[in-house]
């Protein structure tokens, strides 16, 4: 995501609510 901090915020505050987050 651009900027990087925004991408992290989306992961932490939006996607965390509806998805499972995993690494490769």
PDBML (XML) file of the C-alpha atoms, coordinates in Angstrom:
<?xml version="1.0" encoding="UTF-8" ?>
<PDBx:datablock datablockName="MODEL"
   xmlns:PDBx="http://pdbml.pdb.org/schema/pdbx-v50.xsd"
   xmlns:xsi="http://www.w3.org/2001/XMLSchema-instance"
   xsi:schemaLocation="http://pdbml.pdb.org/schema/pdbx-v50.xsd pdbx-v50.xsd">
   <PDBx:atom_siteCategory>
      <PDBx:atom_site id="1">
         <PDBx:B_iso_or_equiv>0.00</PDBx:B_iso_or_equiv>
         <PDBx:Cartn_x>0.000</PDBx:Cartn_x>
         <PDBx:Cartn_y>0.000</PDBx:Cartn_y>
         <PDBx:Cartn_z>0.000</PDBx:Cartn_z>
         <PDBx:auth_asym_id>A</PDBx:auth_asym_id>
         <PDBx:auth_atom_id>CA</PDBx:auth_atom_id>
         <PDBx:auth_comp_id>UNK</PDBx:auth_comp_id>
         <PDBx:auth_seq_id>1</PDBx:auth_seq_id>
         <PDBx:group_PDB>ATOM</PDBx:group_PDB>
         <PDBx:label_alt_id xsi:nil="true" />
         <PDBx:label_asym_id>A</PDBx:label_asym_id>
         <PDBx:label_atom_id>CA</PDBx:label_atom_id>
         <PDBx:label_comp_id>UNK</PDBx:label_comp_id>
         <PDBx:label_entity_id>1</PDBx:label_entity_id>
         <PDBx:label_seq_id>1</PDBx:label_seq_id>
         <PDBx:occupancy>1.00</PDBx:occupancy>
         <PDBx:pdbx_PDB_model_num>1</PDBx:pdbx_PDB_model_num>
         <PDBx:type_symbol>C</PDBx:type_symbol>
      </PDBx:atom_site>
      <PDBx:atom_site id="2">
         <PDBx:B_iso_or_equiv>0.00</PDBx:B_iso_or_equiv>
         <PDBx:Cartn_x>1.097</PDBx:Cartn_x>
         <PDBx:Cartn_y>3.588</PDBx:Cartn_y>
         <PDBx:Cartn_z>-0.566</PDBx:Cartn_z>
         <PDBx:auth_asym_id>A</PDBx:auth_asym_id>
         <PDBx:auth_atom_id>CA</PDBx:auth_atom_id>
         <PDBx:auth_comp_id>UNK</PDBx:auth_comp_id>
         <PDBx:auth_seq_id>2</PDBx:auth_seq_id>
         <PDBx:group_PDB>ATOM</PDBx:group_PDB>
         <PDBx:label_alt_id xsi:nil="true" />
         <PDBx:label_asym_id>A</PDBx:label_asym_id>
         <PDBx:label_atom_id>CA</PDBx:label_atom_id>
         <PDBx:label_comp_id>UNK</PDBx:label_comp_id>
         <PDBx:label_entity_id>1</PDBx:label_entity_id>
         <PDBx:label_seq_id>2</PDBx:label_seq_id>
         <PDBx:occupancy>1.00</PDBx:occupancy>
         <PDBx:pdbx_PDB_model_num>1</PDBx:pdbx_PDB_model_num>
         <PDBx:type_symbol>C</PDBx:type_symbol>
      </PDBx:atom_site>
      <PDBx:atom_site id="3">
         <PDBx:B_iso_or_equiv>0.00</PDBx:B_iso_or_equiv>
         <PDBx:Cartn_x>2.263</PDBx:Cartn_x>
         <PDBx:Cartn_y>5.175</PDBx:Cartn_y>
         <PDBx:Cartn_z>1.613</PDBx:Cartn_z>
         <PDBx:auth_asym_id>A</PDBx:auth_asym_id>
         <PDBx:auth_atom_id>CA</PDBx:auth_atom_id>
         <PDBx:auth_comp_id>UNK</PDBx:auth_comp_id>
         <PDBx:auth_seq_id>3</PDBx:auth_seq_id>
         <PDBx:group_PDB>ATOM</PDBx:group_PDB>
         <PDBx:label_alt_id xsi:nil="true" />
         <PDBx:label_asym_id>A</PDBx:label_asym_id>
         <PDBx:label_atom_id>CA</PDBx:label_atom_id>
         <PDBx:label_comp_id>UNK</PDBx:label_comp_id>
         <PDBx:label_entity_id>1</PDBx:label_entity_id>
         <PDBx:label_seq_id>3</PDBx:label_seq_id>
         <PDBx:occupancy>1.00</PDBx:occupancy>
         <PDBx:pdbx_PDB_model_num>1</PDBx:pdbx_PDB_model_num>
         <PDBx:type_symbol>C</PDBx:type_symbol>
      </PDBx:atom_site>
      <PDBx:atom_site id="4">
         <PDBx:B_iso_or_equiv>0.00</PDBx:B_iso_or_equiv>
         <PDBx:Cartn_x>3.562</PDBx:Cartn_x>
         <PDBx:Cartn_y>2.221</PDBx:Cartn_y>
         <PDBx:Cartn_z>3.591</PDBx:Cartn_z>
         <PDBx:auth_asym_id>A</PDBx:auth_asym_id>
         <PDBx:auth_atom_id>CA</PDBx:auth_atom_id>
         <PDBx:auth_comp_id>UNK</PDBx:auth_comp_id>
         <PDBx:auth_seq_id>4</PDBx:auth_seq_id>
         <PDBx:group_PDB>ATOM</PDBx:group_PDB>
         <PDBx:label_alt_id xsi:nil="true" />
         <PDBx:label_asym_id>A</PDBx:label_asym_id>
         <PDBx:label_atom_id>CA</PDBx:label_atom_id>
         <PDBx:label_comp_id>UNK</PDBx:label_comp_id>
         <PDBx:label_entity_id>1</PDBx:label_entity_id>
         <PDBx:label_seq_id>4</PDBx:label_seq_id>
         <PDBx:occupancy>1.00</PDBx:occupancy>
         <PDBx:pdbx_PDB_model_num>1</PDBx:pdbx_PDB_model_num>
         <PDBx:type_symbol>C</PDBx:type_symbol>
      </PDBx:atom_site>
      <PDBx:atom_site id="5">
         <PDBx:B_iso_or_equiv>0.00</PDBx:B_iso_or_equiv>
         <PDBx:Cartn_x>2.102</PDBx:Cartn_x>
         <PDBx:Cartn_y>3.472</PDBx:Cartn_y>
         <PDBx:Cartn_z>6.887</PDBx:Cartn_z>
         <PDBx:auth_asym_id>A</PDBx:auth_asym_id>
         <PDBx:auth_atom_id>CA</PDBx:auth_atom_id>
         <PDBx:auth_comp_id>UNK</PDBx:auth_comp_id>
         <PDBx:auth_seq_id>5</PDBx:auth_seq_id>
         <PDBx:group_PDB>ATOM</PDBx:group_PDB>
         <PDBx:label_alt_id xsi:nil="true" />
         <PDBx:label_asym_id>A</PDBx:label_asym_id>
         <PDBx:label_atom_id>CA</PDBx:label_atom_id>
         <PDBx:label_comp_id>UNK</PDBx:label_comp_id>
         <PDBx:label_entity_id>1</PDBx:label_entity_id>
         <PDBx:label_seq_id>5</PDBx:label_seq_id>
         <PDBx:occupancy>1.00</PDBx:occupancy>
         <PDBx:pdbx_PDB_model_num>1</PDBx:pdbx_PDB_model_num>
         <PDBx:type_symbol>C</PDBx:type_symbol>
      </PDBx:atom_site>
      <PDBx:atom_site id="6">
         <PDBx:B_iso_or_equiv>0.00</PDBx:B_iso_or_equiv>
         <PDBx:Cartn_x>-1.345</PDBx:Cartn_x>
         <PDBx:Cartn_y>3.681</PDBx:Cartn_y>
         <PDBx:Cartn_z>5.310</PDBx:Cartn_z>
         <PDBx:auth_asym_id>A</PDBx:auth_asym_id>
         <PDBx:auth_atom_id>CA</PDBx:auth_atom_id>
         <PDBx:auth_comp_id>UNK</PDBx:auth_comp_id>
         <PDBx:auth_seq_id>6</PDBx:auth_seq_id>
         <PDBx:group_PDB>ATOM</PDBx:group_PDB>
         <PDBx:label_alt_id xsi:nil="true" />
         <PDBx:label_asym_id>A</PDBx:label_asym_id>
         <PDBx:label_atom_id>CA</PDBx:label_atom_id>
         <PDBx:label_comp_id>UNK</PDBx:label_comp_id>
         <PDBx:label_entity_id>1</PDBx:label_entity_id>
         <PDBx:label_seq_id>6</PDBx:label_seq_id>
         <PDBx:occupancy>1.00</PDBx:occupancy>
         <PDBx:pdbx_PDB_model_num>1</PDBx:pdbx_PDB_model_num>
         <PDBx:type_symbol>C</PDBx:type_symbol>
      </PDBx:atom_site>
      <PDBx:atom_site id="7">
         <PDBx:B_iso_or_equiv>0.00</PDBx:B_iso_or_equiv>
         <PDBx:Cartn_x>-1.009</PDBx:Cartn_x>
         <PDBx:Cartn_y>0.089</PDBx:Cartn_y>
         <PDBx:Cartn_z>4.088</PDBx:Cartn_z>
         <PDBx:auth_asym_id>A</PDBx:auth_asym_id>
         <PDBx:auth_atom_id>CA</PDBx:auth_atom_id>
         <PDBx:auth_comp_id>UNK</PDBx:auth_comp_id>
         <PDBx:auth_seq_id>7</PDBx:auth_seq_id>
         <PDBx:group_PDB>ATOM</PDBx:group_PDB>
         <PDBx:label_alt_id xsi:nil="true" />
         <PDBx:label_asym_id>A</PDBx:label_asym_id>
         <PDBx:label_atom_id>CA</PDBx:label_atom_id>
         <PDBx:label_comp_id>UNK</PDBx:label_comp_id>
         <PDBx:label_entity_id>1</PDBx:label_entity_id>
         <PDBx:label_seq_id>7</PDBx:label_seq_id>
         <PDBx:occupancy>1.00</PDBx:occupancy>
         <PDBx:pdbx_PDB_model_num>1</PDBx:pdbx_PDB_model_num>
         <PDBx:type_symbol>C</PDBx:type_symbol>
      </PDBx:atom_site>
      <PDBx:atom_site id="8">
         <PDBx:B_iso_or_equiv>0.00</PDBx:B_iso_or_equiv>
         <PDBx:Cartn_x>-0.171</PDBx:Cartn_x>
         <PDBx:Cartn_y>-1.040</PDBx:Cartn_y>
         <PDBx:Cartn_z>7.611</PDBx:Cartn_z>
         <PDBx:auth_asym_id>A</PDBx:auth_asym_id>
         <PDBx:auth_atom_id>CA</PDBx:auth_atom_id>
         <PDBx:auth_comp_id>UNK</PDBx:auth_comp_id>
         <PDBx:auth_seq_id>8</PDBx:auth_seq_id>
         <PDBx:group_PDB>ATOM</PDBx:group_PDB>
         <PDBx:label_alt_id xsi:nil="true" />
         <PDBx:label_asym_id>A</PDBx:label_asym_id>
         <PDBx:label_atom_id>CA</PDBx:label_atom_id>
         <PDBx:label_comp_id>UNK</PDBx:label_comp_id>
         <PDBx:label_entity_id>1</PDBx:label_entity_id>
         <PDBx:label_seq_id>8</PDBx:label_seq_id>
         <PDBx:occupancy>1.00</PDBx:occupancy>
         <PDBx:pdbx_PDB_model_num>1</PDBx:pdbx_PDB_model_num>
         <PDBx:type_symbol>C</PDBx:type_symbol>
      </PDBx:atom_site>
      <PDBx:atom_site id="9">
         <PDBx:B_iso_or_equiv>0.00</PDBx:B_iso_or_equiv>
         <PDBx:Cartn_x>-3.142</PDBx:Cartn_x>
         <PDBx:Cartn_y>0.905</PDBx:Cartn_y>
         <PDBx:Cartn_z>8.975</PDBx:Cartn_z>
         <PDBx:auth_asym_id>A</PDBx:auth_asym_id>
         <PDBx:auth_atom_id>CA</PDBx:auth_atom_id>
         <PDBx:auth_comp_id>UNK</PDBx:auth_comp_id>
         <PDBx:auth_seq_id>9</PDBx:auth_seq_id>
         <PDBx:group_PDB>ATOM</PDBx:group_PDB>
         <PDBx:label_alt_id xsi:nil="true" />
         <PDBx:label_asym_id>A</PDBx:label_asym_id>
         <PDBx:label_atom_id>CA</PDBx:label_atom_id>
         <PDBx:label_comp_id>UNK</PDBx:label_comp_id>
         <PDBx:label_entity_id>1</PDBx:label_entity_id>
         <PDBx:label_seq_id>9</PDBx:label_seq_id>
         <PDBx:occupancy>1.00</PDBx:occupancy>
         <PDBx:pdbx_PDB_model_num>1</PDBx:pdbx_PDB_model_num>
         <PDBx:type_symbol>C</PDBx:type_symbol>
      </PDBx:atom_site>
      <PDBx:atom_site id="10">
         <PDBx:B_iso_or_equiv>0.00</PDBx:B_iso_or_equiv>
         <PDBx:Cartn_x>-5.497</PDBx:Cartn_x>
         <PDBx:Cartn_y>-0.790</PDBx:Cartn_y>
         <PDBx:Cartn_z>6.499</PDBx:Cartn_z>
         <PDBx:auth_asym_id>A</PDBx:auth_asym_id>
         <PDBx:auth_atom_id>CA</PDBx:auth_atom_id>
         <PDBx:auth_comp_id>UNK</PDBx:auth_comp_id>
         <PDBx:auth_seq_id>10</PDBx:auth_seq_id>
         <PDBx:group_PDB>ATOM</PDBx:group_PDB>
         <PDBx:label_alt_id xsi:nil="true" />
         <PDBx:label_asym_id>A</PDBx:label_asym_id>
         <PDBx:label_atom_id>CA</PDBx:label_atom_id>
         <PDBx:label_comp_id>UNK</PDBx:label_comp_id>
         <PDBx:label_entity_id>1</PDBx:label_entity_id>
         <PDBx:label_seq_id>10</PDBx:label_seq_id>
         <PDBx:occupancy>1.00</PDBx:occupancy>
         <PDBx:pdbx_PDB_model_num>1</PDBx:pdbx_PDB_model_num>
         <PDBx:type_symbol>C</PDBx:type_symbol>
      </PDBx:atom_site>
      <PDBx:atom_site id="11">
         <PDBx:B_iso_or_equiv>0.00</PDBx:B_iso_or_equiv>
         <PDBx:Cartn_x>-4.129</PDBx:Cartn_x>
         <PDBx:Cartn_y>-4.191</PDBx:Cartn_y>
         <PDBx:Cartn_z>7.539</PDBx:Cartn_z>
         <PDBx:auth_asym_id>A</PDBx:auth_asym_id>
         <PDBx:auth_atom_id>CA</PDBx:auth_atom_id>
         <PDBx:auth_comp_id>UNK</PDBx:auth_comp_id>
         <PDBx:auth_seq_id>11</PDBx:auth_seq_id>
         <PDBx:group_PDB>ATOM</PDBx:group_PDB>
         <PDBx:label_alt_id xsi:nil="true" />
         <PDBx:label_asym_id>A</PDBx:label_asym_id>
         <PDBx:label_atom_id>CA</PDBx:label_atom_id>
         <PDBx:label_comp_id>UNK</PDBx:label_comp_id>
         <PDBx:label_entity_id>1</PDBx:label_entity_id>
         <PDBx:label_seq_id>11</PDBx:label_seq_id>
         <PDBx:occupancy>1.00</PDBx:occupancy>
         <PDBx:pdbx_PDB_model_num>1</PDBx:pdbx_PDB_model_num>
         <PDBx:type_symbol>C</PDBx:type_symbol>
      </PDBx:atom_site>
      <PDBx:atom_site id="12">
         <PDBx:B_iso_or_equiv>0.00</PDBx:B_iso_or_equiv>
         <PDBx:Cartn_x>-4.495</PDBx:Cartn_x>
         <PDBx:Cartn_y>-3.442</PDBx:Cartn_y>
         <PDBx:Cartn_z>11.245</PDBx:Cartn_z>
         <PDBx:auth_asym_id>A</PDBx:auth_asym_id>
         <PDBx:auth_atom_id>CA</PDBx:auth_atom_id>
         <PDBx:auth_comp_id>UNK</PDBx:auth_comp_id>
         <PDBx:auth_seq_id>12</PDBx:auth_seq_id>
         <PDBx:group_PDB>ATOM</PDBx:group_PDB>
         <PDBx:label_alt_id xsi:nil="true" />
         <PDBx:label_asym_id>A</PDBx:label_asym_id>
         <PDBx:label_atom_id>CA</PDBx:label_atom_id>
         <PDBx:label_comp_id>UNK</PDBx:label_comp_id>
         <PDBx:label_entity_id>1</PDBx:label_entity_id>
         <PDBx:label_seq_id>12</PDBx:label_seq_id>
         <PDBx:occupancy>1.00</PDBx:occupancy>
         <PDBx:pdbx_PDB_model_num>1</PDBx:pdbx_PDB_model_num>
         <PDBx:type_symbol>C</PDBx:type_symbol>
      </PDBx:atom_site>
      <PDBx:atom_site id="13">
         <PDBx:B_iso_or_equiv>0.00</PDBx:B_iso_or_equiv>
         <PDBx:Cartn_x>-7.766</PDBx:Cartn_x>
         <PDBx:Cartn_y>-1.521</PDBx:Cartn_y>
         <PDBx:Cartn_z>11.271</PDBx:Cartn_z>
         <PDBx:auth_asym_id>A</PDBx:auth_asym_id>
         <PDBx:auth_atom_id>CA</PDBx:auth_atom_id>
         <PDBx:auth_comp_id>UNK</PDBx:auth_comp_id>
         <PDBx:auth_seq_id>13</PDBx:auth_seq_id>
         <PDBx:group_PDB>ATOM</PDBx:group_PDB>
         <PDBx:label_alt_id xsi:nil="true" />
         <PDBx:label_asym_id>A</PDBx:label_asym_id>
         <PDBx:label_atom_id>CA</PDBx:label_atom_id>
         <PDBx:label_comp_id>UNK</PDBx:label_comp_id>
         <PDBx:label_entity_id>1</PDBx:label_entity_id>
         <PDBx:label_seq_id>13</PDBx:label_seq_id>
         <PDBx:occupancy>1.00</PDBx:occupancy>
         <PDBx:pdbx_PDB_model_num>1</PDBx:pdbx_PDB_model_num>
         <PDBx:type_symbol>C</PDBx:type_symbol>
      </PDBx:atom_site>
      <PDBx:atom_site id="14">
         <PDBx:B_iso_or_equiv>0.00</PDBx:B_iso_or_equiv>
         <PDBx:Cartn_x>-9.824</PDBx:Cartn_x>
         <PDBx:Cartn_y>-2.844</PDBx:Cartn_y>
         <PDBx:Cartn_z>8.348</PDBx:Cartn_z>
         <PDBx:auth_asym_id>A</PDBx:auth_asym_id>
         <PDBx:auth_atom_id>CA</PDBx:auth_atom_id>
         <PDBx:auth_comp_id>UNK</PDBx:auth_comp_id>
         <PDBx:auth_seq_id>14</PDBx:auth_seq_id>
         <PDBx:group_PDB>ATOM</PDBx:group_PDB>
         <PDBx:label_alt_id xsi:nil="true" />
         <PDBx:label_asym_id>A</PDBx:label_asym_id>
         <PDBx:label_atom_id>CA</PDBx:label_atom_id>
         <PDBx:label_comp_id>UNK</PDBx:label_comp_id>
         <PDBx:label_entity_id>1</PDBx:label_entity_id>
         <PDBx:label_seq_id>14</PDBx:label_seq_id>
         <PDBx:occupancy>1.00</PDBx:occupancy>
         <PDBx:pdbx_PDB_model_num>1</PDBx:pdbx_PDB_model_num>
         <PDBx:type_symbol>C</PDBx:type_symbol>
      </PDBx:atom_site>
      <PDBx:atom_site id="15">
         <PDBx:B_iso_or_equiv>0.00</PDBx:B_iso_or_equiv>
         <PDBx:Cartn_x>-8.613</PDBx:Cartn_x>
         <PDBx:Cartn_y>-6.183</PDBx:Cartn_y>
         <PDBx:Cartn_z>7.056</PDBx:Cartn_z>
         <PDBx:auth_asym_id>A</PDBx:auth_asym_id>
         <PDBx:auth_atom_id>CA</PDBx:auth_atom_id>
         <PDBx:auth_comp_id>UNK</PDBx:auth_comp_id>
         <PDBx:auth_seq_id>15</PDBx:auth_seq_id>
         <PDBx:group_PDB>ATOM</PDBx:group_PDB>
         <PDBx:label_alt_id xsi:nil="true" />
         <PDBx:label_asym_id>A</PDBx:label_asym_id>
         <PDBx:label_atom_id>CA</PDBx:label_atom_id>
         <PDBx:label_comp_id>UNK</PDBx:label_comp_id>
         <PDBx:label_entity_id>1</PDBx:label_entity_id>
         <PDBx:label_seq_id>15</PDBx:label_seq_id>
         <PDBx:occupancy>1.00</PDBx:occupancy>
         <PDBx:pdbx_PDB_model_num>1</PDBx:pdbx_PDB_model_num>
         <PDBx:type_symbol>C</PDBx:type_symbol>
      </PDBx:atom_site>
      <PDBx:atom_site id="16">
         <PDBx:B_iso_or_equiv>0.00</PDBx:B_iso_or_equiv>
         <PDBx:Cartn_x>-8.013</PDBx:Cartn_x>
         <PDBx:Cartn_y>-7.575</PDBx:Cartn_y>
         <PDBx:Cartn_z>10.542</PDBx:Cartn_z>
         <PDBx:auth_asym_id>A</PDBx:auth_asym_id>
         <PDBx:auth_atom_id>CA</PDBx:auth_atom_id>
         <PDBx:auth_comp_id>UNK</PDBx:auth_comp_id>
         <PDBx:auth_seq_id>16</PDBx:auth_seq_id>
         <PDBx:group_PDB>ATOM</PDBx:group_PDB>
         <PDBx:label_alt_id xsi:nil="true" />
         <PDBx:label_asym_id>A</PDBx:label_asym_id>
         <PDBx:label_atom_id>CA</PDBx:label_atom_id>
         <PDBx:label_comp_id>UNK</PDBx:label_comp_id>
         <PDBx:label_entity_id>1</PDBx:label_entity_id>
         <PDBx:label_seq_id>16</PDBx:label_seq_id>
         <PDBx:occupancy>1.00</PDBx:occupancy>
         <PDBx:pdbx_PDB_model_num>1</PDBx:pdbx_PDB_model_num>
         <PDBx:type_symbol>C</PDBx:type_symbol>
      </PDBx:atom_site>
      <PDBx:atom_site id="17">
         <PDBx:B_iso_or_equiv>0.00</PDBx:B_iso_or_equiv>
         <PDBx:Cartn_x>-11.785</PDBx:Cartn_x>
         <PDBx:Cartn_y>-7.417</PDBx:Cartn_y>
         <PDBx:Cartn_z>11.074</PDBx:Cartn_z>
         <PDBx:auth_asym_id>A</PDBx:auth_asym_id>
         <PDBx:auth_atom_id>CA</PDBx:auth_atom_id>
         <PDBx:auth_comp_id>UNK</PDBx:auth_comp_id>
         <PDBx:auth_seq_id>17</PDBx:auth_seq_id>
         <PDBx:group_PDB>ATOM</PDBx:group_PDB>
         <PDBx:label_alt_id xsi:nil="true" />
         <PDBx:label_asym_id>A</PDBx:label_asym_id>
         <PDBx:label_atom_id>CA</PDBx:label_atom_id>
         <PDBx:label_comp_id>UNK</PDBx:label_comp_id>
         <PDBx:label_entity_id>1</PDBx:label_entity_id>
         <PDBx:label_seq_id>17</PDBx:label_seq_id>
         <PDBx:occupancy>1.00</PDBx:occupancy>
         <PDBx:pdbx_PDB_model_num>1</PDBx:pdbx_PDB_model_num>
         <PDBx:type_symbol>C</PDBx:type_symbol>
      </PDBx:atom_site>
      <PDBx:atom_site id="18">
         <PDBx:B_iso_or_equiv>0.00</PDBx:B_iso_or_equiv>
         <PDBx:Cartn_x>-12.775</PDBx:Cartn_x>
         <PDBx:Cartn_y>-9.514</PDBx:Cartn_y>
         <PDBx:Cartn_z>8.040</PDBx:Cartn_z>
         <PDBx:auth_asym_id>A</PDBx:auth_asym_id>
         <PDBx:auth_atom_id>CA</PDBx:auth_atom_id>
         <PDBx:auth_comp_id>UNK</PDBx:auth_comp_id>
         <PDBx:auth_seq_id>18</PDBx:auth_seq_id>
         <PDBx:group_PDB>ATOM</PDBx:group_PDB>
         <PDBx:label_alt_id xsi:nil="true" />
         <PDBx:label_asym_id>A</PDBx:label_asym_id>
         <PDBx:label_atom_id>CA</PDBx:label_atom_id>
         <PDBx:label_comp_id>UNK</PDBx:label_comp_id>
         <PDBx:label_entity_id>1</PDBx:label_entity_id>
         <PDBx:label_seq_id>18</PDBx:label_seq_id>
         <PDBx:occupancy>1.00</PDBx:occupancy>
         <PDBx:pdbx_PDB_model_num>1</PDBx:pdbx_PDB_model_num>
         <PDBx:type_symbol>C</PDBx:type_symbol>
      </PDBx:atom_site>
      <PDBx:atom_site id="19">
         <PDBx:B_iso_or_equiv>0.00</PDBx:B_iso_or_equiv>
         <PDBx:Cartn_x>-9.760</PDBx:Cartn_x>
         <PDBx:Cartn_y>-11.648</PDBx:Cartn_y>
         <PDBx:Cartn_z>7.092</PDBx:Cartn_z>
         <PDBx:auth_asym_id>A</PDBx:auth_asym_id>
         <PDBx:auth_atom_id>CA</PDBx:auth_atom_id>
         <PDBx:auth_comp_id>UNK</PDBx:auth_comp_id>
         <PDBx:auth_seq_id>19</PDBx:auth_seq_id>
         <PDBx:group_PDB>ATOM</PDBx:group_PDB>
         <PDBx:label_alt_id xsi:nil="true" />
         <PDBx:label_asym_id>A</PDBx:label_asym_id>
         <PDBx:label_atom_id>CA</PDBx:label_atom_id>
         <PDBx:label_comp_id>UNK</PDBx:label_comp_id>
         <PDBx:label_entity_id>1</PDBx:label_entity_id>
         <PDBx:label_seq_id>19</PDBx:label_seq_id>
         <PDBx:occupancy>1.00</PDBx:occupancy>
         <PDBx:pdbx_PDB_model_num>1</PDBx:pdbx_PDB_model_num>
         <PDBx:type_symbol>C</PDBx:type_symbol>
      </PDBx:atom_site>
      <PDBx:atom_site id="20">
         <PDBx:B_iso_or_equiv>0.00</PDBx:B_iso_or_equiv>
         <PDBx:Cartn_x>-7.123</PDBx:Cartn_x>
         <PDBx:Cartn_y>-13.954</PDBx:Cartn_y>
         <PDBx:Cartn_z>8.451</PDBx:Cartn_z>
         <PDBx:auth_asym_id>A</PDBx:auth_asym_id>
         <PDBx:auth_atom_id>CA</PDBx:auth_atom_id>
         <PDBx:auth_comp_id>UNK</PDBx:auth_comp_id>
         <PDBx:auth_seq_id>20</PDBx:auth_seq_id>
         <PDBx:group_PDB>ATOM</PDBx:group_PDB>
         <PDBx:label_alt_id xsi:nil="true" />
         <PDBx:label_asym_id>A</PDBx:label_asym_id>
         <PDBx:label_atom_id>CA</PDBx:label_atom_id>
         <PDBx:label_comp_id>UNK</PDBx:label_comp_id>
         <PDBx:label_entity_id>1</PDBx:label_entity_id>
         <PDBx:label_seq_id>20</PDBx:label_seq_id>
         <PDBx:occupancy>1.00</PDBx:occupancy>
         <PDBx:pdbx_PDB_model_num>1</PDBx:pdbx_PDB_model_num>
         <PDBx:type_symbol>C</PDBx:type_symbol>
      </PDBx:atom_site>
      <PDBx:atom_site id="21">
         <PDBx:B_iso_or_equiv>0.00</PDBx:B_iso_or_equiv>
         <PDBx:Cartn_x>-3.659</PDBx:Cartn_x>
         <PDBx:Cartn_y>-12.465</PDBx:Cartn_y>
         <PDBx:Cartn_z>8.080</PDBx:Cartn_z>
         <PDBx:auth_asym_id>A</PDBx:auth_asym_id>
         <PDBx:auth_atom_id>CA</PDBx:auth_atom_id>
         <PDBx:auth_comp_id>UNK</PDBx:auth_comp_id>
         <PDBx:auth_seq_id>21</PDBx:auth_seq_id>
         <PDBx:group_PDB>ATOM</PDBx:group_PDB>
         <PDBx:label_alt_id xsi:nil="true" />
         <PDBx:label_asym_id>A</PDBx:label_asym_id>
         <PDBx:label_atom_id>CA</PDBx:label_atom_id>
         <PDBx:label_comp_id>UNK</PDBx:label_comp_id>
         <PDBx:label_entity_id>1</PDBx:label_entity_id>
         <PDBx:label_seq_id>21</PDBx:label_seq_id>
         <PDBx:occupancy>1.00</PDBx:occupancy>
         <PDBx:pdbx_PDB_model_num>1</PDBx:pdbx_PDB_model_num>
         <PDBx:type_symbol>C</PDBx:type_symbol>
      </PDBx:atom_site>
      <PDBx:atom_site id="22">
         <PDBx:B_iso_or_equiv>0.00</PDBx:B_iso_or_equiv>
         <PDBx:Cartn_x>-0.827</PDBx:Cartn_x>
         <PDBx:Cartn_y>-14.886</PDBx:Cartn_y>
         <PDBx:Cartn_z>7.284</PDBx:Cartn_z>
         <PDBx:auth_asym_id>A</PDBx:auth_asym_id>
         <PDBx:auth_atom_id>CA</PDBx:auth_atom_id>
         <PDBx:auth_comp_id>UNK</PDBx:auth_comp_id>
         <PDBx:auth_seq_id>22</PDBx:auth_seq_id>
         <PDBx:group_PDB>ATOM</PDBx:group_PDB>
         <PDBx:label_alt_id xsi:nil="true" />
         <PDBx:label_asym_id>A</PDBx:label_asym_id>
         <PDBx:label_atom_id>CA</PDBx:label_atom_id>
         <PDBx:label_comp_id>UNK</PDBx:label_comp_id>
         <PDBx:label_entity_id>1</PDBx:label_entity_id>
         <PDBx:label_seq_id>22</PDBx:label_seq_id>
         <PDBx:occupancy>1.00</PDBx:occupancy>
         <PDBx:pdbx_PDB_model_num>1</PDBx:pdbx_PDB_model_num>
         <PDBx:type_symbol>C</PDBx:type_symbol>
      </PDBx:atom_site>
      <PDBx:atom_site id="23">
         <PDBx:B_iso_or_equiv>0.00</PDBx:B_iso_or_equiv>
         <PDBx:Cartn_x>2.718</PDBx:Cartn_x>
         <PDBx:Cartn_y>-14.770</PDBx:Cartn_y>
         <PDBx:Cartn_z>5.972</PDBx:Cartn_z>
         <PDBx:auth_asym_id>A</PDBx:auth_asym_id>
         <PDBx:auth_atom_id>CA</PDBx:auth_atom_id>
         <PDBx:auth_comp_id>UNK</PDBx:auth_comp_id>
         <PDBx:auth_seq_id>23</PDBx:auth_seq_id>
         <PDBx:group_PDB>ATOM</PDBx:group_PDB>
         <PDBx:label_alt_id xsi:nil="true" />
         <PDBx:label_asym_id>A</PDBx:label_asym_id>
         <PDBx:label_atom_id>CA</PDBx:label_atom_id>
         <PDBx:label_comp_id>UNK</PDBx:label_comp_id>
         <PDBx:label_entity_id>1</PDBx:label_entity_id>
         <PDBx:label_seq_id>23</PDBx:label_seq_id>
         <PDBx:occupancy>1.00</PDBx:occupancy>
         <PDBx:pdbx_PDB_model_num>1</PDBx:pdbx_PDB_model_num>
         <PDBx:type_symbol>C</PDBx:type_symbol>
      </PDBx:atom_site>
      <PDBx:atom_site id="24">
         <PDBx:B_iso_or_equiv>0.00</PDBx:B_iso_or_equiv>
         <PDBx:Cartn_x>3.935</PDBx:Cartn_x>
         <PDBx:Cartn_y>-16.618</PDBx:Cartn_y>
         <PDBx:Cartn_z>2.900</PDBx:Cartn_z>
         <PDBx:auth_asym_id>A</PDBx:auth_asym_id>
         <PDBx:auth_atom_id>CA</PDBx:auth_atom_id>
         <PDBx:auth_comp_id>UNK</PDBx:auth_comp_id>
         <PDBx:auth_seq_id>24</PDBx:auth_seq_id>
         <PDBx:group_PDB>ATOM</PDBx:group_PDB>
         <PDBx:label_alt_id xsi:nil="true" />
         <PDBx:label_asym_id>A</PDBx:label_asym_id>
         <PDBx:label_atom_id>CA</PDBx:label_atom_id>
         <PDBx:label_comp_id>UNK</PDBx:label_comp_id>
         <PDBx:label_entity_id>1</PDBx:label_entity_id>
         <PDBx:label_seq_id>24</PDBx:label_seq_id>
         <PDBx:occupancy>1.00</PDBx:occupancy>
         <PDBx:pdbx_PDB_model_num>1</PDBx:pdbx_PDB_model_num>
         <PDBx:type_symbol>C</PDBx:type_symbol>
      </PDBx:atom_site>
   </PDBx:atom_siteCategory>
</PDBx:datablock>
